[in-house]
């Protein structure tokens, strides 16, 4: 799920490129898991994935040897594993860029649609930095980049007629059936059409995406420590429950409309010690 603002930007990009909004939202959901940004040293950055075999192909001689020795390049796809956290992935790309910046950026997939930097020229950018700048410009830039790729790849017609197999083959590659990409797309599309509007969902265990990350950031700012990973797990449920108890709300650990509104309107914590005190309160309340 996305915030209302991000969903609107995706829909705007869809209109610009003649794509059905719900269909483009479905691809964005599958590719990004509903998350738009990662917090890297306090700044918002697009989600990335580094491909070590792409990097290896773009290097030669001493640079290739240096990258292989550093565990950043390999001739074998999948041999260079991506760290789980986005912060660690950004550190990885920075290390790769120190060896060859252009090759590193070309070997990375960027943003909502996970578009490879190597496609910069094909997509009409002057250089790879142009593609990366678009991806880093915000949700609107990421949405445009994804829509531009779909348009250039000739997938607009298949997407608009909901030919999920054709879209899966064109967007995810010939192995799309192995992970059920076309099935996931069809299910995501039904959620866009039949599910609640973006930004209006009740959040609970198992919820994922941008609204969850925003809820986590709001809780953290109000003195309820929680990971801001966009995943509504036990830690988030516990923080929501503590907030509900403190505000006299039904303490079920589920963030429905009333709880979400209360979190948004609650004043931020006064400082570091307020956060520590709230965390200690949570510790000592545990059975």
C-alpha atoms as a PDB file:
ATOM      1  CA  UNK A   1       0.000   0.000   0.000  1.00  0.00           C
ATOM      2  CA  UNK A   2       1.059   3.553  -0.678  1.00  0.00           C
ATOM      3  CA  UNK A   3       0.217   6.924   0.813  1.00  0.00           C
ATOM      4  CA  UNK A   4      -2.471   8.982  -0.895  1.00  0.00           C
ATOM      5  CA  UNK A   5       0.200  11.329  -2.212  1.00  0.00           C
ATOM      6  CA  UNK A   6       2.317   8.584  -3.774  1.00  0.00           C
ATOM      7  CA  UNK A   7      -0.729   6.842  -5.258  1.00  0.00           C
ATOM      8  CA  UNK A   8      -1.719  10.175  -6.838  1.00  0.00           C
ATOM      9  CA  UNK A   9       1.766  10.605  -8.346  1.00  0.00           C
ATOM     10  CA  UNK A  10       1.668   7.087  -9.810  1.00  0.00           C
ATOM     11  CA  UNK A  11      -1.781   7.726 -11.237  1.00  0.00           C
ATOM     12  CA  UNK A  12      -0.561  11.017 -12.734  1.00  0.00           C
ATOM     13  CA  UNK A  13       2.363   9.268 -14.443  1.00  0.00           C
ATOM     14  CA  UNK A  14       0.001   6.593 -15.717  1.00  0.00           C
ATOM     15  CA  UNK A  15      -2.240   9.232 -17.298  1.00  0.00           C
ATOM     16  CA  UNK A  16       0.761  10.946 -18.903  1.00  0.00           C
ATOM     17  CA  UNK A  17       1.820   7.691 -20.610  1.00  0.00           C
ATOM     18  CA  UNK A  18      -1.657   6.352 -21.419  1.00  0.00           C
ATOM     19  CA  UNK A  19      -1.552   3.559 -18.819  1.00  0.00           C
ATOM     20  CA  UNK A  20      -4.421   2.470 -16.579  1.00  0.00           C
ATOM     21  CA  UNK A  21      -3.699   3.843 -13.114  1.00  0.00           C
ATOM     22  CA  UNK A  22      -4.670   0.692 -11.192  1.00  0.00           C
ATOM     23  CA  UNK A  23      -2.472  -1.445 -13.460  1.00  0.00           C
ATOM     24  CA  UNK A  24       0.581   0.778 -12.941  1.00  0.00           C
ATOM     25  CA  UNK A  25      -0.072   0.790  -9.196  1.00  0.00           C
ATOM     26  CA  UNK A  26      -0.120  -3.015  -9.288  1.00  0.00           C
ATOM     27  CA  UNK A  27       3.368  -3.184 -10.846  1.00  0.00           C
ATOM     28  CA  UNK A  28       4.637  -0.577  -8.378  1.00  0.00           C
ATOM     29  CA  UNK A  29       3.276  -2.611  -5.469  1.00  0.00           C
ATOM     30  CA  UNK A  30       4.936  -5.832  -6.624  1.00  0.00           C
ATOM     31  CA  UNK A  31       8.272  -4.206  -7.436  1.00  0.00           C
ATOM     32  CA  UNK A  32       8.550  -2.050  -4.304  1.00  0.00           C
ATOM     33  CA  UNK A  33       6.437  -3.854  -1.711  1.00  0.00           C
ATOM     34  CA  UNK A  34       4.550  -0.594  -1.253  1.00  0.00           C
ATOM     35  CA  UNK A  35       7.630   1.283  -0.055  1.00  0.00           C
ATOM     36  CA  UNK A  36       8.929   4.344  -1.849  1.00  0.00           C
ATOM     37  CA  UNK A  37      11.870   5.554   0.213  1.00  0.00           C
ATOM     38  CA  UNK A  38      14.563   4.350   2.551  1.00  0.00           C
ATOM     39  CA  UNK A  39      16.094   6.637   5.152  1.00  0.00           C
ATOM     40  CA  UNK A  40      19.826   6.858   4.479  1.00  0.00           C
ATOM     41  CA  UNK A  41      21.760   9.093   6.880  1.00  0.00           C
ATOM     42  CA  UNK A  42      18.602  11.117   7.503  1.00  0.00           C
ATOM     43  CA  UNK A  43      17.686  11.649   3.849  1.00  0.00           C
ATOM     44  CA  UNK A  44      15.029   9.908   1.767  1.00  0.00           C
ATOM     45  CA  UNK A  45      16.421   7.792  -1.059  1.00  0.00           C
ATOM     46  CA  UNK A  46      14.786   5.405  -3.562  1.00  0.00           C
ATOM     47  CA  UNK A  47      14.945   1.680  -2.993  1.00  0.00           C
ATOM     48  CA  UNK A  48      17.838   0.087  -4.880  1.00  0.00           C
ATOM     49  CA  UNK A  49      19.188  -3.328  -5.817  1.00  0.00           C
ATOM     50  CA  UNK A  50      22.791  -3.784  -6.926  1.00  0.00           C
ATOM     51  CA  UNK A  51      23.628  -6.444  -9.536  1.00  0.00           C
ATOM     52  CA  UNK A  52      27.195  -7.680  -9.210  1.00  0.00           C
ATOM     53  CA  UNK A  53      27.200  -9.548 -12.532  1.00  0.00           C
ATOM     54  CA  UNK A  54      26.165  -6.346 -14.365  1.00  0.00           C
ATOM     55  CA  UNK A  55      29.000  -4.534 -12.597  1.00  0.00           C
ATOM     56  CA  UNK A  56      31.481  -7.236 -13.587  1.00  0.00           C
ATOM     57  CA  UNK A  57      30.565  -6.937 -17.285  1.00  0.00           C
ATOM     58  CA  UNK A  58      31.209  -3.193 -17.222  1.00  0.00           C
ATOM     59  CA  UNK A  59      34.689  -3.485 -15.787  1.00  0.00           C
ATOM     60  CA  UNK A  60      38.000  -4.814 -17.033  1.00  0.00           C
ATOM     61  CA  UNK A  61      41.583  -5.130 -15.960  1.00  0.00           C
ATOM     62  CA  UNK A  62      42.585  -3.699 -12.608  1.00  0.00           C
ATOM     63  CA  UNK A  63      39.146  -2.311 -11.780  1.00  0.00           C
ATOM     64  CA  UNK A  64      37.471  -5.645 -12.401  1.00  0.00           C
ATOM     65  CA  UNK A  65      40.039  -7.419 -10.247  1.00  0.00           C
ATOM     66  CA  UNK A  66      39.576  -4.836  -7.492  1.00  0.00           C
ATOM     67  CA  UNK A  67      35.774  -5.200  -7.577  1.00  0.00           C
ATOM     68  CA  UNK A  68      35.947  -9.011  -7.521  1.00  0.00           C
ATOM     69  CA  UNK A  69      38.382  -8.956  -4.605  1.00  0.00           C
ATOM     70  CA  UNK A  70      36.009  -6.646  -2.716  1.00  0.00           C
ATOM     71  CA  UNK A  71      33.067  -8.996  -3.293  1.00  0.00           C
ATOM     72  CA  UNK A  72      31.280  -6.443  -5.465  1.00  0.00           C
ATOM     73  CA  UNK A  73      31.536  -8.155  -8.857  1.00  0.00           C
ATOM     74  CA  UNK A  74      31.225 -11.645 -10.258  1.00  0.00           C
ATOM     75  CA  UNK A  75      30.660 -13.121 -13.714  1.00  0.00           C
ATOM     76  CA  UNK A  76      27.921 -15.288 -12.167  1.00  0.00           C
ATOM     77  CA  UNK A  77      24.448 -13.805 -11.650  1.00  0.00           C
ATOM     78  CA  UNK A  78      23.326 -13.890  -8.036  1.00  0.00           C
ATOM     79  CA  UNK A  79      26.755 -14.585  -6.588  1.00  0.00           C
ATOM     80  CA  UNK A  80      27.026 -11.053  -5.174  1.00  0.00           C
ATOM     81  CA  UNK A  81      24.246 -10.987  -2.592  1.00  0.00           C
ATOM     82  CA  UNK A  82      22.340  -7.823  -1.778  1.00  0.00           C
ATOM     83  CA  UNK A  83      22.203  -6.997   1.931  1.00  0.00           C
ATOM     84  CA  UNK A  84      18.732  -7.104   3.443  1.00  0.00           C
ATOM     85  CA  UNK A  85      18.729  -3.471   4.575  1.00  0.00           C
ATOM     86  CA  UNK A  86      18.619  -0.562   2.174  1.00  0.00           C
ATOM     87  CA  UNK A  87      21.214   1.274   4.262  1.00  0.00           C
ATOM     88  CA  UNK A  88      23.678  -1.551   3.629  1.00  0.00           C
ATOM     89  CA  UNK A  89      22.793  -1.573  -0.080  1.00  0.00           C
ATOM     90  CA  UNK A  90      23.548   2.139  -0.327  1.00  0.00           C
ATOM     91  CA  UNK A  91      26.891   1.500   1.349  1.00  0.00           C
ATOM     92  CA  UNK A  92      27.519  -1.223  -1.239  1.00  0.00           C
ATOM     93  CA  UNK A  93      26.807   1.068  -4.172  1.00  0.00           C
ATOM     94  CA  UNK A  94      29.036   3.751  -2.663  1.00  0.00           C
ATOM     95  CA  UNK A  95      31.887   1.233  -2.468  1.00  0.00           C
ATOM     96  CA  UNK A  96      31.230   0.208  -6.073  1.00  0.00           C
ATOM     97  CA  UNK A  97      31.058   3.838  -7.205  1.00  0.00           C
ATOM     98  CA  UNK A  98      34.479   4.454  -5.674  1.00  0.00           C
ATOM     99  CA  UNK A  99      35.810   1.911  -8.212  1.00  0.00           C
ATOM    100  CA  UNK A 100      33.718   3.072 -11.204  1.00  0.00           C
ATOM    101  CA  UNK A 101      30.787   5.404 -10.619  1.00  0.00           C
ATOM    102  CA  UNK A 102      29.129   5.071 -14.009  1.00  0.00           C
ATOM    103  CA  UNK A 103      29.390   1.277 -13.988  1.00  0.00           C
ATOM    104  CA  UNK A 104      28.022   1.135 -10.426  1.00  0.00           C
ATOM    105  CA  UNK A 105      24.981   3.257 -11.245  1.00  0.00           C
ATOM    106  CA  UNK A 106      24.330   1.320 -14.451  1.00  0.00           C
ATOM    107  CA  UNK A 107      24.436  -1.912 -12.436  1.00  0.00           C
ATOM    108  CA  UNK A 108      21.733  -0.789 -10.007  1.00  0.00           C
ATOM    109  CA  UNK A 109      17.952  -0.955 -10.302  1.00  0.00           C
ATOM    110  CA  UNK A 110      16.255   2.208  -9.072  1.00  0.00           C
ATOM    111  CA  UNK A 111      13.016   3.160  -7.387  1.00  0.00           C
ATOM    112  CA  UNK A 112       9.391   2.048  -7.489  1.00  0.00           C
ATOM    113  CA  UNK A 113       9.727   0.159 -10.743  1.00  0.00           C
ATOM    114  CA  UNK A 114      13.261  -1.127 -10.096  1.00  0.00           C
ATOM    115  CA  UNK A 115      14.473   0.191 -13.460  1.00  0.00           C
ATOM    116  CA  UNK A 116      18.072  -0.693 -14.288  1.00  0.00           C
ATOM    117  CA  UNK A 117      20.454   2.217 -14.636  1.00  0.00           C
ATOM    118  CA  UNK A 118      21.931   0.489 -17.702  1.00  0.00           C
ATOM    119  CA  UNK A 119      18.809   1.489 -19.639  1.00  0.00           C
ATOM    120  CA  UNK A 120      19.560   5.235 -19.431  1.00  0.00           C
ATOM    121  CA  UNK A 121      20.288   5.765 -23.129  1.00  0.00           C
ATOM    122  CA  UNK A 122      17.437   3.543 -24.334  1.00  0.00           C
ATOM    123  CA  UNK A 123      15.059   5.530 -22.130  1.00  0.00           C
ATOM    124  CA  UNK A 124      16.209   8.846 -23.571  1.00  0.00           C
ATOM    125  CA  UNK A 125      18.438  10.209 -20.810  1.00  0.00           C
ATOM    126  CA  UNK A 126      21.664  12.036 -21.626  1.00  0.00           C
ATOM    127  CA  UNK A 127      23.656   9.854 -19.232  1.00  0.00           C
ATOM    128  CA  UNK A 128      23.141   7.495 -16.334  1.00  0.00           C
ATOM    129  CA  UNK A 129      23.187  10.445 -13.925  1.00  0.00           C
ATOM    130  CA  UNK A 130      20.020  11.736 -15.597  1.00  0.00           C
ATOM    131  CA  UNK A 131      18.197   8.485 -14.852  1.00  0.00           C
ATOM    132  CA  UNK A 132      19.485   8.421 -11.289  1.00  0.00           C
ATOM    133  CA  UNK A 133      18.491  12.046 -10.727  1.00  0.00           C
ATOM    134  CA  UNK A 134      14.954  11.235 -11.871  1.00  0.00           C
ATOM    135  CA  UNK A 135      14.774   8.286  -9.467  1.00  0.00           C
ATOM    136  CA  UNK A 136      16.116  10.361  -6.575  1.00  0.00           C
ATOM    137  CA  UNK A 137      13.829  13.338  -7.230  1.00  0.00           C
ATOM    138  CA  UNK A 138      10.881  11.828  -5.323  1.00  0.00           C
ATOM    139  CA  UNK A 139       7.846   9.624  -5.808  1.00  0.00           C
ATOM    140  CA  UNK A 140       6.819  11.507  -8.954  1.00  0.00           C
ATOM    141  CA  UNK A 141      10.204  10.927 -10.607  1.00  0.00           C
ATOM    142  CA  UNK A 142      10.188   7.249  -9.698  1.00  0.00           C
ATOM    143  CA  UNK A 143       6.669   6.863 -11.113  1.00  0.00           C
ATOM    144  CA  UNK A 144       7.636   8.599 -14.363  1.00  0.00           C
ATOM    145  CA  UNK A 145      10.712   6.406 -14.721  1.00  0.00           C
ATOM    146  CA  UNK A 146       8.636   3.247 -14.291  1.00  0.00           C
ATOM    147  CA  UNK A 147       5.978   4.448 -16.764  1.00  0.00           C
ATOM    148  CA  UNK A 148       8.667   5.482 -19.258  1.00  0.00           C
ATOM    149  CA  UNK A 149      10.164   1.999 -19.143  1.00  0.00           C
ATOM    150  CA  UNK A 150       6.764   0.341 -19.704  1.00  0.00           C
ATOM    151  CA  UNK A 151       6.058   2.640 -22.629  1.00  0.00           C
ATOM    152  CA  UNK A 152       9.477   2.109 -24.222  1.00  0.00           C
ATOM    153  CA  UNK A 153       9.264  -1.670 -23.731  1.00  0.00           C
ATOM    154  CA  UNK A 154       5.960  -1.739 -25.628  1.00  0.00           C
ATOM    155  CA  UNK A 155       4.039  -3.107 -22.640  1.00  0.00           C
ATOM    156  CA  UNK A 156       1.339  -0.451 -22.384  1.00  0.00           C
ATOM    157  CA  UNK A 157      -1.225  -2.308 -24.487  1.00  0.00           C
ATOM    158  CA  UNK A 158      -0.679  -5.620 -22.671  1.00  0.00           C
ATOM    159  CA  UNK A 159      -0.896  -3.866 -19.309  1.00  0.00           C
ATOM    160  CA  UNK A 160      -4.105  -2.052 -20.211  1.00  0.00           C
ATOM    161  CA  UNK A 161      -5.793  -5.275 -21.349  1.00  0.00           C
ATOM    162  CA  UNK A 162      -4.543  -7.077 -18.217  1.00  0.00           C
ATOM    163  CA  UNK A 163      -2.466  -9.643 -20.058  1.00  0.00           C
ATOM    164  CA  UNK A 164      -0.425 -10.420 -16.962  1.00  0.00           C
ATOM    165  CA  UNK A 165       1.679 -13.128 -18.609  1.00  0.00           C
ATOM    166  CA  UNK A 166       2.807 -10.793 -21.385  1.00  0.00           C
ATOM    167  CA  UNK A 167       3.555  -8.071 -18.856  1.00  0.00           C
ATOM    168  CA  UNK A 168       5.377 -10.543 -16.620  1.00  0.00           C
ATOM    169  CA  UNK A 169       7.568 -11.733 -19.490  1.00  0.00           C
ATOM    170  CA  UNK A 170       8.325  -8.193 -20.654  1.00  0.00           C
ATOM    171  CA  UNK A 171       8.923  -6.648 -17.234  1.00  0.00           C
ATOM    172  CA  UNK A 172      10.294  -9.505 -15.117  1.00  0.00           C
ATOM    173  CA  UNK A 173      11.982 -11.572 -17.829  1.00  0.00           C
ATOM    174  CA  UNK A 174      11.499 -15.066 -19.311  1.00  0.00           C
ATOM    175  CA  UNK A 175      11.645 -16.712 -15.881  1.00  0.00           C
ATOM    176  CA  UNK A 176       8.595 -14.824 -14.600  1.00  0.00           C
ATOM    177  CA  UNK A 177       6.579 -18.018 -14.038  1.00  0.00           C
ATOM    178  CA  UNK A 178       9.094 -19.409 -11.546  1.00  0.00           C
ATOM    179  CA  UNK A 179       8.083 -16.882  -8.900  1.00  0.00           C
ATOM    180  CA  UNK A 180       4.483 -16.499 -10.078  1.00  0.00           C
ATOM    181  CA  UNK A 181       5.061 -12.889 -11.116  1.00  0.00           C
ATOM    182  CA  UNK A 182       1.983 -12.832 -13.370  1.00  0.00           C
ATOM    183  CA  UNK A 183      -0.192 -14.236 -10.580  1.00  0.00           C
ATOM    184  CA  UNK A 184       1.113 -11.657  -8.125  1.00  0.00           C
ATOM    185  CA  UNK A 185       0.354  -8.904 -10.646  1.00  0.00           C
ATOM    186  CA  UNK A 186      -3.218 -10.103 -11.101  1.00  0.00           C
ATOM    187  CA  UNK A 187      -3.744 -10.222  -7.329  1.00  0.00           C
ATOM    188  CA  UNK A 188      -2.201  -6.773  -6.852  1.00  0.00           C
ATOM    189  CA  UNK A 189      -4.472  -5.359  -9.559  1.00  0.00           C
ATOM    190  CA  UNK A 190      -7.564  -6.750  -7.786  1.00  0.00           C
ATOM    191  CA  UNK A 191      -6.389  -5.069  -4.572  1.00  0.00           C
ATOM    192  CA  UNK A 192      -6.122  -1.750  -6.402  1.00  0.00           C
ATOM    193  CA  UNK A 193      -9.634  -2.097  -7.808  1.00  0.00           C
ATOM    194  CA  UNK A 194     -11.495  -3.725  -4.914  1.00  0.00           C
ATOM    195  CA  UNK A 195      -9.459  -2.762  -1.851  1.00  0.00           C
ATOM    196  CA  UNK A 196      -9.576   0.370   0.301  1.00  0.00           C
ATOM    197  CA  UNK A 197      -8.223   3.630  -1.055  1.00  0.00           C
ATOM    198  CA  UNK A 198      -4.528   4.224  -0.497  1.00  0.00           C
ATOM    199  CA  UNK A 199      -3.853   5.940   2.804  1.00  0.00           C
ATOM    200  CA  UNK A 200      -7.139   4.735   4.315  1.00  0.00           C
ATOM    201  CA  UNK A 201      -6.218   1.166   5.237  1.00  0.00           C
ATOM    202  CA  UNK A 202      -6.362  -0.234   8.746  1.00  0.00           C
ATOM    203  CA  UNK A 203      -2.829  -1.334   9.600  1.00  0.00           C
ATOM    204  CA  UNK A 204      -2.152  -4.515  11.530  1.00  0.00           C
ATOM    205  CA  UNK A 205       0.282  -7.421  11.739  1.00  0.00           C
ATOM    206  CA  UNK A 206       1.438  -8.274   8.230  1.00  0.00           C
ATOM    207  CA  UNK A 207       0.708  -4.848   6.712  1.00  0.00           C
ATOM    208  CA  UNK A 208       3.522  -3.394   4.630  1.00  0.00           C
ATOM    209  CA  UNK A 209       4.352  -0.300   2.680  1.00  0.00           C
ATOM    210  CA  UNK A 210       4.753   3.431   2.806  1.00  0.00           C
ATOM    211  CA  UNK A 211       1.857   4.181   5.221  1.00  0.00           C
ATOM    212  CA  UNK A 212       3.356   1.704   7.707  1.00  0.00           C
ATOM    213  CA  UNK A 213       6.752   3.424   7.472  1.00  0.00           C
ATOM    214  CA  UNK A 214       5.077   6.817   7.983  1.00  0.00           C
ATOM    215  CA  UNK A 215       3.188   5.465  11.009  1.00  0.00           C
ATOM    216  CA  UNK A 216       6.455   4.109  12.436  1.00  0.00           C
ATOM    217  CA  UNK A 217       8.192   7.456  11.938  1.00  0.00           C
ATOM    218  CA  UNK A 218       5.294   9.229  13.674  1.00  0.00           C
ATOM    219  CA  UNK A 219       5.462   6.815  16.612  1.00  0.00           C
ATOM    220  CA  UNK A 220       9.221   7.295  16.878  1.00  0.00           C
ATOM    221  CA  UNK A 221       8.821  11.092  16.865  1.00  0.00           C
ATOM    222  CA  UNK A 222       6.299  10.791  19.707  1.00  0.00           C
ATOM    223  CA  UNK A 223       8.565   8.776  21.921  1.00  0.00           C
ATOM    224  CA  UNK A 224       7.668   5.208  20.951  1.00  0.00           C
ATOM    225  CA  UNK A 225      10.833   3.506  19.632  1.00  0.00           C
ATOM    226  CA  UNK A 226      10.219   1.251  16.646  1.00  0.00           C
ATOM    227  CA  UNK A 227      12.064   0.219  13.470  1.00  0.00           C
ATOM    228  CA  UNK A 228      11.034   2.324  10.480  1.00  0.00           C
ATOM    229  CA  UNK A 229      11.191  -0.530   8.001  1.00  0.00           C
ATOM    230  CA  UNK A 230       7.659  -0.339   6.580  1.00  0.00           C
ATOM    231  CA  UNK A 231       6.746  -3.753   8.021  1.00  0.00           C
ATOM    232  CA  UNK A 232       4.006  -3.974  10.651  1.00  0.00           C
ATOM    233  CA  UNK A 233       5.562  -6.659  12.830  1.00  0.00           C
ATOM    234  CA  UNK A 234       5.422  -7.426  16.562  1.00  0.00           C
ATOM    235  CA  UNK A 235       7.537  -4.380  17.464  1.00  0.00           C
ATOM    236  CA  UNK A 236       5.203  -1.983  15.659  1.00  0.00           C
ATOM    237  CA  UNK A 237       2.116  -3.649  17.102  1.00  0.00           C
ATOM    238  CA  UNK A 238       3.604  -3.328  20.598  1.00  0.00           C
ATOM    239  CA  UNK A 239       4.434   0.360  20.076  1.00  0.00           C
ATOM    240  CA  UNK A 240       0.902   1.038  18.800  1.00  0.00           C
ATOM    241  CA  UNK A 241      -0.554  -0.795  21.795  1.00  0.00           C
ATOM    242  CA  UNK A 242       1.539   1.281  24.224  1.00  0.00           C
ATOM    243  CA  UNK A 243       0.387   4.461  22.496  1.00  0.00           C
ATOM    244  CA  UNK A 244      -3.234   3.308  22.707  1.00  0.00           C
ATOM    245  CA  UNK A 245      -2.875   2.522  26.413  1.00  0.00           C
ATOM    246  CA  UNK A 246      -1.335   5.938  27.072  1.00  0.00           C
ATOM    247  CA  UNK A 247      -4.188   7.695  25.226  1.00  0.00           C
ATOM    248  CA  UNK A 248      -7.050   5.644  26.636  1.00  0.00           C
ATOM    249  CA  UNK A 249      -7.830   3.965  23.330  1.00  0.00           C
ATOM    250  CA  UNK A 250      -8.798   0.325  22.819  1.00  0.00           C
ATOM    251  CA  UNK A 251      -5.374  -1.291  23.187  1.00  0.00           C
ATOM    252  CA  UNK A 252      -5.394  -3.959  20.483  1.00  0.00           C
ATOM    253  CA  UNK A 253      -2.186  -3.018  18.664  1.00  0.00           C
ATOM    254  CA  UNK A 254      -4.149  -2.362  15.451  1.00  0.00           C
ATOM    255  CA  UNK A 255      -3.878   1.065  13.820  1.00  0.00           C
ATOM    256  CA  UNK A 256      -7.387   1.829  12.623  1.00  0.00           C
ATOM    257  CA  UNK A 257      -8.645   5.279  11.618  1.00  0.00           C
ATOM    258  CA  UNK A 258      -9.068   6.504  15.217  1.00  0.00           C
ATOM    259  CA  UNK A 259      -5.607   5.377  16.312  1.00  0.00           C
ATOM    260  CA  UNK A 260      -3.974   6.762  13.160  1.00  0.00           C
ATOM    261  CA  UNK A 261      -5.650  10.131  13.713  1.00  0.00           C
ATOM    262  CA  UNK A 262      -4.574  10.189  17.361  1.00  0.00           C
ATOM    263  CA  UNK A 263      -0.949   9.440  16.438  1.00  0.00           C
ATOM    264  CA  UNK A 264      -0.915  12.167  13.800  1.00  0.00           C
ATOM    265  CA  UNK A 265      -2.312  14.802  16.168  1.00  0.00           C
ATOM    266  CA  UNK A 266      -0.284  13.815  19.241  1.00  0.00           C
ATOM    267  CA  UNK A 267       2.524  16.277  20.055  1.00  0.00           C
ATOM    268  CA  UNK A 268       6.063  15.071  19.334  1.00  0.00           C
ATOM    269  CA  UNK A 269       8.258  13.916  22.197  1.00  0.00           C
ATOM    270  CA  UNK A 270      10.249  16.698  23.824  1.00  0.00           C
ATOM    271  CA  UNK A 271      13.586  15.030  23.341  1.00  0.00           C
ATOM    272  CA  UNK A 272      15.813  12.030  23.701  1.00  0.00           C
ATOM    273  CA  UNK A 273      14.905  11.247  27.307  1.00  0.00           C
ATOM    274  CA  UNK A 274      11.200  11.199  26.507  1.00  0.00           C
ATOM    275  CA  UNK A 275      11.903   8.480  23.971  1.00  0.00           C
ATOM    276  CA  UNK A 276      14.051   6.539  26.451  1.00  0.00           C
ATOM    277  CA  UNK A 277      11.412   6.867  29.179  1.00  0.00           C
ATOM    278  CA  UNK A 278       8.686   5.615  26.851  1.00  0.00           C
ATOM    279  CA  UNK A 279      10.852   2.670  25.833  1.00  0.00           C
ATOM    280  CA  UNK A 280      11.547   1.792  29.487  1.00  0.00           C
ATOM    281  CA  UNK A 281       7.843   2.029  30.268  1.00  0.00           C
ATOM    282  CA  UNK A 282       7.219  -0.518  27.525  1.00  0.00           C
ATOM    283  CA  UNK A 283       9.936  -2.818  28.873  1.00  0.00           C
ATOM    284  CA  UNK A 284       8.604  -2.809  32.424  1.00  0.00           C
ATOM    285  CA  UNK A 285       5.004  -3.303  31.297  1.00  0.00           C
ATOM    286  CA  UNK A 286       5.928  -6.595  29.668  1.00  0.00           C
ATOM    287  CA  UNK A 287       4.847  -9.700  31.592  1.00  0.00           C
END
